Amino acid sequence: AITAAQYVHFLNEAAAAGLVKERYGTIYPID
């Protein structure tokens, strides 16, 4: 199964591109 570290890598790529946001403890795409 995809690991937490592997998914965190993906999220940090998205965050570096400004494509994610957080709301009440949940992560969403920016749009």
PDB file of all heavy atoms in Angstrom:
ATOM      1  N   ALA A   1       0.856  -1.186   0.000  1.00  0.00           N
ATOM      2  CA  ALA A   1       0.000   0.000   0.000  1.00  0.00           C
ATOM      3  C   ALA A   1       0.893   1.238   0.000  1.00  0.00           C
ATOM      4  O   ALA A   1       2.026   1.214   0.500  1.00  0.00           O
ATOM      5  CB  ALA A   1      -0.901  -0.013   1.228  1.00  0.00           C
ATOM      6  N   ILE A   2       0.398   2.325  -0.572  1.00  0.00           N
ATOM      7  CA  ILE A   2       1.135   3.581  -0.549  1.00  0.00           C
ATOM      8  C   ILE A   2       1.299   4.025   0.903  1.00  0.00           C
ATOM      9  O   ILE A   2       0.355   4.002   1.699  1.00  0.00           O
ATOM     10  CB  ILE A   2       0.402   4.656  -1.369  1.00  0.00           C
ATOM     11  CG1 ILE A   2       0.349   4.243  -2.841  1.00  0.00           C
ATOM     12  CG2 ILE A   2       1.072   6.016  -1.207  1.00  0.00           C
ATOM     13  CD1 ILE A   2       1.688   4.018  -3.490  1.00  0.00           C
ATOM     14  N   THR A   3       2.517   4.414   1.251  1.00  0.00           N
ATOM     15  CA  THR A   3       2.827   4.734   2.650  1.00  0.00           C
ATOM     16  C   THR A   3       2.528   6.202   2.968  1.00  0.00           C
ATOM     17  O   THR A   3       2.357   7.042   2.076  1.00  0.00           O
ATOM     18  CB  THR A   3       4.297   4.453   2.958  1.00  0.00           C
ATOM     19  OG1 THR A   3       5.117   5.369   2.208  1.00  0.00           O
ATOM     20  CG2 THR A   3       4.674   3.017   2.626  1.00  0.00           C
ATOM     21  N   ALA A   4       2.539   6.484   4.258  1.00  0.00           N
ATOM     22  CA  ALA A   4       2.345   7.864   4.703  1.00  0.00           C
ATOM     23  C   ALA A   4       3.442   8.764   4.151  1.00  0.00           C
ATOM     24  O   ALA A   4       3.179   9.888   3.715  1.00  0.00           O
ATOM     25  CB  ALA A   4       2.323   7.909   6.229  1.00  0.00           C
ATOM     26  N   ALA A   5       4.686   8.289   4.154  1.00  0.00           N
ATOM     27  CA  ALA A   5       5.793   9.101   3.632  1.00  0.00           C
ATOM     28  C   ALA A   5       5.620   9.387   2.150  1.00  0.00           C
ATOM     29  O   ALA A   5       5.907  10.501   1.677  1.00  0.00           O
ATOM     30  CB  ALA A   5       7.122   8.395   3.893  1.00  0.00           C
ATOM     31  N   GLN A   6       5.165   8.401   1.404  1.00  0.00           N
ATOM     32  CA  GLN A   6       4.974   8.589  -0.038  1.00  0.00           C
ATOM     33  C   GLN A   6       3.852   9.574  -0.325  1.00  0.00           C
ATOM     34  O   GLN A   6       3.954  10.407  -1.236  1.00  0.00           O
ATOM     35  CB  GLN A   6       4.715   7.237  -0.703  1.00  0.00           C
ATOM     36  CG  GLN A   6       5.954   6.354  -0.736  1.00  0.00           C
ATOM     37  CD  GLN A   6       5.671   4.880  -0.943  1.00  0.00           C
ATOM     38  OE1 GLN A   6       4.516   4.434  -0.884  1.00  0.00           O
ATOM     39  NE2 GLN A   6       6.712   4.110  -1.166  1.00  0.00           N
ATOM     40  N   TYR A   7       2.793   9.518   0.467  1.00  0.00           N
ATOM     41  CA  TYR A   7       1.696  10.458   0.248  1.00  0.00           C
ATOM     42  C   TYR A   7       2.091  11.861   0.710  1.00  0.00           C
ATOM     43  O   TYR A   7       1.706  12.857   0.083  1.00  0.00           O
ATOM     44  CB  TYR A   7       0.431   9.996   0.954  1.00  0.00           C
ATOM     45  CG  TYR A   7      -0.815  10.648   0.397  1.00  0.00           C
ATOM     46  CD1 TYR A   7      -1.360  10.225  -0.808  1.00  0.00           C
ATOM     47  CD2 TYR A   7      -1.417  11.719   1.049  1.00  0.00           C
ATOM     48  CE1 TYR A   7      -2.482  10.842  -1.348  1.00  0.00           C
ATOM     49  CE2 TYR A   7      -2.546  12.333   0.518  1.00  0.00           C
ATOM     50  CZ  TYR A   7      -3.069  11.900  -0.679  1.00  0.00           C
ATOM     51  OH  TYR A   7      -4.176  12.520  -1.217  1.00  0.00           O
ATOM     52  N   VAL A   8       2.868  11.961   1.768  1.00  0.00           N
ATOM     53  CA  VAL A   8       3.359  13.260   2.222  1.00  0.00           C
ATOM     54  C   VAL A   8       4.241  13.905   1.153  1.00  0.00           C
ATOM     55  O   VAL A   8       4.186  15.123   0.930  1.00  0.00           O
ATOM     56  CB  VAL A   8       4.105  13.114   3.561  1.00  0.00           C
ATOM     57  CG1 VAL A   8       5.041  14.295   3.817  1.00  0.00           C
ATOM     58  CG2 VAL A   8       3.107  12.989   4.705  1.00  0.00           C
ATOM     59  N   HIS A   9       5.059  13.107   0.478  1.00  0.00           N
ATOM     60  CA  HIS A   9       5.864  13.605  -0.637  1.00  0.00           C
ATOM     61  C   HIS A   9       4.955  14.267  -1.676  1.00  0.00           C
ATOM     62  O   HIS A   9       5.234  15.381  -2.155  1.00  0.00           O
ATOM     63  CB  HIS A   9       6.628  12.433  -1.254  1.00  0.00           C
ATOM     64  CG  HIS A   9       7.343  12.765  -2.536  1.00  0.00           C
ATOM     65  ND1 HIS A   9       8.694  12.988  -2.595  1.00  0.00           N
ATOM     66  CD2 HIS A   9       6.881  12.901  -3.819  1.00  0.00           C
ATOM     67  CE1 HIS A   9       9.047  13.253  -3.859  1.00  0.00           C
ATOM     68  NE2 HIS A   9       7.962  13.199  -4.621  1.00  0.00           N
ATOM     69  N   PHE A  10       3.884  13.598  -2.027  1.00  0.00           N
ATOM     70  CA  PHE A  10       2.918  14.140  -2.987  1.00  0.00           C
ATOM     71  C   PHE A  10       2.306  15.445  -2.479  1.00  0.00           C
ATOM     72  O   PHE A  10       2.221  16.444  -3.208  1.00  0.00           O
ATOM     73  CB  PHE A  10       1.837  13.101  -3.248  1.00  0.00           C
ATOM     74  CG  PHE A  10       0.532  13.655  -3.754  1.00  0.00           C
ATOM     75  CD1 PHE A  10       0.419  14.157  -5.039  1.00  0.00           C
ATOM     76  CD2 PHE A  10      -0.587  13.666  -2.937  1.00  0.00           C
ATOM     77  CE1 PHE A  10      -0.789  14.669  -5.505  1.00  0.00           C
ATOM     78  CE2 PHE A  10      -1.798  14.167  -3.396  1.00  0.00           C
ATOM     79  CZ  PHE A  10      -1.896  14.672  -4.684  1.00  0.00           C
ATOM     80  N   LEU A  11       1.879  15.459  -1.217  1.00  0.00           N
ATOM     81  CA  LEU A  11       1.250  16.657  -0.667  1.00  0.00           C
ATOM     82  C   LEU A  11       2.212  17.841  -0.647  1.00  0.00           C
ATOM     83  O   LEU A  11       1.813  18.983  -0.904  1.00  0.00           O
ATOM     84  CB  LEU A  11       0.744  16.375   0.754  1.00  0.00           C
ATOM     85  CG  LEU A  11      -0.460  15.445   0.872  1.00  0.00           C
ATOM     86  CD1 LEU A  11      -0.731  15.126   2.342  1.00  0.00           C
ATOM     87  CD2 LEU A  11      -1.700  16.047   0.223  1.00  0.00           C
ATOM     88  N   ASN A  12       3.483  17.586  -0.341  1.00  0.00           N
ATOM     89  CA  ASN A  12       4.444  18.682  -0.324  1.00  0.00           C
ATOM     90  C   ASN A  12       4.720  19.209  -1.724  1.00  0.00           C
ATOM     91  O   ASN A  12       4.965  20.416  -1.898  1.00  0.00           O
ATOM     92  CB  ASN A  12       5.741  18.237   0.362  1.00  0.00           C
ATOM     93  CG  ASN A  12       5.620  18.294   1.878  1.00  0.00           C
ATOM     94  OD1 ASN A  12       4.974  19.185   2.425  1.00  0.00           O
ATOM     95  ND2 ASN A  12       6.226  17.342   2.556  1.00  0.00           N
ATOM     96  N   GLU A  13       4.679  18.349  -2.745  1.00  0.00           N
ATOM     97  CA  GLU A  13       4.771  18.848  -4.122  1.00  0.00           C
ATOM     98  C   GLU A  13       3.589  19.755  -4.435  1.00  0.00           C
ATOM     99  O   GLU A  13       3.755  20.827  -5.027  1.00  0.00           O
ATOM    100  CB  GLU A  13       4.812  17.680  -5.116  1.00  0.00           C
ATOM    101  CG  GLU A  13       6.150  16.998  -5.232  1.00  0.00           C
ATOM    102  CD  GLU A  13       6.304  16.225  -6.533  1.00  0.00           C
ATOM    103  OE1 GLU A  13       5.295  15.995  -7.232  1.00  0.00           O
ATOM    104  OE2 GLU A  13       7.440  15.868  -6.849  1.00  0.00           O
ATOM    105  N   ALA A  14       2.409  19.320  -4.033  1.00  0.00           N
ATOM    106  CA  ALA A  14       1.212  20.132  -4.275  1.00  0.00           C
ATOM    107  C   ALA A  14       1.275  21.447  -3.505  1.00  0.00           C
ATOM    108  O   ALA A  14       0.913  22.505  -4.027  1.00  0.00           O
ATOM    109  CB  ALA A  14      -0.031  19.348  -3.899  1.00  0.00           C
ATOM    110  N   ALA A  15       1.738  21.381  -2.252  1.00  0.00           N
ATOM    111  CA  ALA A  15       1.823  22.593  -1.433  1.00  0.00           C
ATOM    112  C   ALA A  15       2.843  23.572  -2.003  1.00  0.00           C
ATOM    113  O   ALA A  15       2.616  24.791  -2.017  1.00  0.00           O
ATOM    114  CB  ALA A  15       2.188  22.216   0.002  1.00  0.00           C
ATOM    115  N   ALA A  16       3.965  23.062  -2.494  1.00  0.00           N
ATOM    116  CA  ALA A  16       4.992  23.928  -3.076  1.00  0.00           C
ATOM    117  C   ALA A  16       4.466  24.658  -4.307  1.00  0.00           C
ATOM    118  O   ALA A  16       4.902  25.769  -4.622  1.00  0.00           O
ATOM    119  CB  ALA A  16       6.227  23.114  -3.434  1.00  0.00           C
ATOM    120  N   ALA A  17       3.522  24.034  -4.991  1.00  0.00           N
ATOM    121  CA  ALA A  17       2.913  24.655  -6.168  1.00  0.00           C
ATOM    122  C   ALA A  17       1.699  25.511  -5.807  1.00  0.00           C
ATOM    123  O   ALA A  17       1.049  26.067  -6.695  1.00  0.00           O
ATOM    124  CB  ALA A  17       2.501  23.576  -7.167  1.00  0.00           C
ATOM    125  N   GLY A  18       1.382  25.605  -4.518  1.00  0.00           N
ATOM    126  CA  GLY A  18       0.241  26.413  -4.092  1.00  0.00           C
ATOM    127  C   GLY A  18      -1.097  25.821  -4.449  1.00  0.00           C
ATOM    128  O   GLY A  18      -2.072  26.546  -4.667  1.00  0.00           O
ATOM    129  N   LEU A  19      -1.182  24.494  -4.492  1.00  0.00           N
ATOM    130  CA  LEU A  19      -2.391  23.847  -4.994  1.00  0.00           C
ATOM    131  C   LEU A  19      -3.209  23.142  -3.928  1.00  0.00           C
ATOM    132  O   LEU A  19      -4.138  22.398  -4.267  1.00  0.00           O
ATOM    133  CB  LEU A  19      -2.011  22.844  -6.094  1.00  0.00           C
ATOM    134  CG  LEU A  19      -1.406  23.477  -7.351  1.00  0.00           C
ATOM    135  CD1 LEU A  19      -0.969  22.408  -8.333  1.00  0.00           C
ATOM    136  CD2 LEU A  19      -2.402  24.424  -8.010  1.00  0.00           C
ATOM    137  N   VAL A  20      -2.909  23.354  -2.655  1.00  0.00           N
ATOM    138  CA  VAL A  20      -3.697  22.737  -1.593  1.00  0.00           C
ATOM    139  C   VAL A  20      -4.058  23.770  -0.529  1.00  0.00           C
ATOM    140  O   VAL A  20      -3.417  24.819  -0.417  1.00  0.00           O
ATOM    141  CB  VAL A  20      -2.957  21.554  -0.922  1.00  0.00           C
ATOM    142  CG1 VAL A  20      -2.729  20.420  -1.894  1.00  0.00           C
ATOM    143  CG2 VAL A  20      -1.638  22.017  -0.308  1.00  0.00           C
ATOM    144  N   LYS A  21      -5.086  23.448   0.229  1.00  0.00           N
ATOM    145  CA  LYS A  21      -5.482  24.279   1.355  1.00  0.00           C
ATOM    146  C   LYS A  21      -6.035  23.383   2.445  1.00  0.00           C
ATOM    147  O   LYS A  21      -6.449  22.244   2.191  1.00  0.00           O
ATOM    148  CB  LYS A  21      -6.516  25.316   0.930  1.00  0.00           C
ATOM    149  CG  LYS A  21      -7.809  24.735   0.348  1.00  0.00           C
ATOM    150  CD  LYS A  21      -8.708  25.837  -0.172  1.00  0.00           C
ATOM    151  CE  LYS A  21      -9.953  25.277  -0.855  1.00  0.00           C
ATOM    152  NZ  LYS A  21     -10.784  26.341  -1.442  1.00  0.00           N
ATOM    153  N   GLU A  22      -6.032  23.913   3.655  1.00  0.00           N
ATOM    154  CA  GLU A  22      -6.515  23.149   4.821  1.00  0.00           C
ATOM    155  C   GLU A  22      -7.746  23.836   5.398  1.00  0.00           C
ATOM    156  O   GLU A  22      -7.815  25.068   5.452  1.00  0.00           O
ATOM    157  CB  GLU A  22      -5.414  23.061   5.878  1.00  0.00           C
ATOM    158  CG  GLU A  22      -5.801  22.253   7.111  1.00  0.00           C
ATOM    159  CD  GLU A  22      -6.393  23.117   8.233  1.00  0.00           C
ATOM    160  OE1 GLU A  22      -6.186  24.346   8.193  1.00  0.00           O
ATOM    161  OE2 GLU A  22      -7.050  22.564   9.132  1.00  0.00           O
ATOM    162  N   ARG A  23      -8.714  23.035   5.789  1.00  0.00           N
ATOM    163  CA  ARG A  23      -9.914  23.560   6.440  1.00  0.00           C
ATOM    164  C   ARG A  23     -10.406  22.554   7.455  1.00  0.00           C
ATOM    165  O   ARG A  23     -10.746  21.429   7.107  1.00  0.00           O
ATOM    166  CB  ARG A  23     -11.013  23.846   5.414  1.00  0.00           C
ATOM    167  CG  ARG A  23     -12.274  24.504   6.001  1.00  0.00           C
ATOM    168  CD  ARG A  23     -13.217  24.899   4.871  1.00  0.00           C
ATOM    169  NE  ARG A  23     -14.350  25.662   5.337  1.00  0.00           N
ATOM    170  CZ  ARG A  23     -15.594  25.162   5.497  1.00  0.00           C
ATOM    171  NH1 ARG A  23     -15.821  23.885   5.220  1.00  0.00           N
ATOM    172  NH2 ARG A  23     -16.574  25.935   5.902  1.00  0.00           N
ATOM    173  N   TYR A  24     -10.401  22.958   8.742  1.00  0.00           N
ATOM    174  CA  TYR A  24     -10.881  22.115   9.820  1.00  0.00           C
ATOM    175  C   TYR A  24     -10.222  20.729   9.820  1.00  0.00           C
ATOM    176  O   TYR A  24     -10.887  19.709  10.002  1.00  0.00           O
ATOM    177  CB  TYR A  24     -12.399  21.970   9.775  1.00  0.00           C
ATOM    178  CG  TYR A  24     -13.157  23.269   9.883  1.00  0.00           C
ATOM    179  CD1 TYR A  24     -14.247  23.526   9.057  1.00  0.00           C
ATOM    180  CD2 TYR A  24     -12.783  24.244  10.809  1.00  0.00           C
ATOM    181  CE1 TYR A  24     -14.949  24.720   9.150  1.00  0.00           C
ATOM    182  CE2 TYR A  24     -13.471  25.448  10.907  1.00  0.00           C
ATOM    183  CZ  TYR A  24     -14.559  25.675  10.076  1.00  0.00           C
ATOM    184  OH  TYR A  24     -15.246  26.855  10.178  1.00  0.00           O
ATOM    185  N   GLY A  25      -8.924  20.689   9.560  1.00  0.00           N
ATOM    186  CA  GLY A  25      -8.208  19.425   9.646  1.00  0.00           C
ATOM    187  C   GLY A  25      -8.315  18.545   8.424  1.00  0.00           C
ATOM    188  O   GLY A  25      -7.900  17.385   8.462  1.00  0.00           O
ATOM    189  N   THR A  26      -8.837  19.062   7.322  1.00  0.00           N
ATOM    190  CA  THR A  26      -8.927  18.301   6.083  1.00  0.00           C
ATOM    191  C   THR A  26      -8.230  19.078   4.974  1.00  0.00           C
ATOM    192  O   THR A  26      -8.307  20.306   4.924  1.00  0.00           O
ATOM    193  CB  THR A  26     -10.390  18.024   5.712  1.00  0.00           C
ATOM    194  OG1 THR A  26     -10.983  17.220   6.739  1.00  0.00           O
ATOM    195  CG2 THR A  26     -10.505  17.276   4.393  1.00  0.00           C
ATOM    196  N   ILE A  27      -7.547  18.358   4.083  1.00  0.00           N
ATOM    197  CA  ILE A  27      -6.821  18.967   2.973  1.00  0.00           C
ATOM    198  C   ILE A  27      -7.660  18.878   1.708  1.00  0.00           C
ATOM    199  O   ILE A  27      -8.210  17.819   1.384  1.00  0.00           O
ATOM    200  CB  ILE A  27      -5.465  18.264   2.763  1.00  0.00           C
ATOM    201  CG1 ILE A  27      -4.636  18.321   4.051  1.00  0.00           C
ATOM    202  CG2 ILE A  27      -4.710  18.892   1.599  1.00  0.00           C
ATOM    203  CD1 ILE A  27      -4.368  19.726   4.571  1.00  0.00           C
ATOM    204  N   TYR A  28      -7.722  20.008   0.996  1.00  0.00           N
ATOM    205  CA  TYR A  28      -8.496  20.120  -0.242  1.00  0.00           C
ATOM    206  C   TYR A  28      -7.621  20.710  -1.348  1.00  0.00           C
ATOM    207  O   TYR A  28      -6.670  21.456  -1.057  1.00  0.00           O
ATOM    208  CB  TYR A  28      -9.699  21.055  -0.062  1.00  0.00           C
ATOM    209  CG  TYR A  28     -10.696  20.631   0.978  1.00  0.00           C
ATOM    210  CD1 TYR A  28     -10.526  20.980   2.321  1.00  0.00           C
ATOM    211  CD2 TYR A  28     -11.834  19.903   0.624  1.00  0.00           C
ATOM    212  CE1 TYR A  28     -11.453  20.600   3.281  1.00  0.00           C
ATOM    213  CE2 TYR A  28     -12.762  19.524   1.579  1.00  0.00           C
ATOM    214  CZ  TYR A  28     -12.565  19.871   2.914  1.00  0.00           C
ATOM    215  OH  TYR A  28     -13.482  19.498   3.861  1.00  0.00           O
ATOM    216  N   PRO A  29      -7.950  20.458  -2.615  1.00  0.00           N
ATOM    217  CA  PRO A  29      -7.281  21.194  -3.693  1.00  0.00           C
ATOM    218  C   PRO A  29      -7.691  22.662  -3.639  1.00  0.00           C
ATOM    219  O   PRO A  29      -8.803  23.003  -3.221  1.00  0.00           O
ATOM    220  CB  PRO A  29      -7.781  20.504  -4.962  1.00  0.00           C
ATOM    221  CG  PRO A  29      -9.071  19.860  -4.576  1.00  0.00           C
ATOM    222  CD  PRO A  29      -8.918  19.470  -3.130  1.00  0.00           C
ATOM    223  N   ILE A  30      -6.805  23.517  -4.063  1.00  0.00           N
ATOM    224  CA  ILE A  30      -7.002  24.954  -3.887  1.00  0.00           C
ATOM    225  C   ILE A  30      -8.235  25.473  -4.607  1.00  0.00           C
ATOM    226  O   ILE A  30      -8.852  26.451  -4.173  1.00  0.00           O
ATOM    227  CB  ILE A  30      -5.738  25.720  -4.359  1.00  0.00           C
ATOM    228  CG1 ILE A  30      -5.742  27.153  -3.850  1.00  0.00           C
ATOM    229  CG2 ILE A  30      -5.590  25.646  -5.866  1.00  0.00           C
ATOM    230  CD1 ILE A  30      -5.570  27.261  -2.351  1.00  0.00           C
ATOM    231  N   ASP A  31      -8.630  24.830  -5.721  1.00  0.00           N
ATOM    232  CA  ASP A  31      -9.770  25.346  -6.473  1.00  0.00           C
ATOM    233  C   ASP A  31     -11.092  24.697  -6.082  1.00  0.00           C
ATOM    234  O   ASP A  31     -12.087  24.839  -6.787  1.00  0.00           O
ATOM    235  CB  ASP A  31      -9.535  25.211  -7.979  1.00  0.00           C
ATOM    236  CG  ASP A  31      -9.357  23.775  -8.429  1.00  0.00           C
ATOM    237  OD1 ASP A  31      -9.258  22.894  -7.555  1.00  0.00           O
ATOM    238  OD2 ASP A  31      -9.312  23.535  -9.650  1.00  0.00           O
TER     239      ASP A  31
END
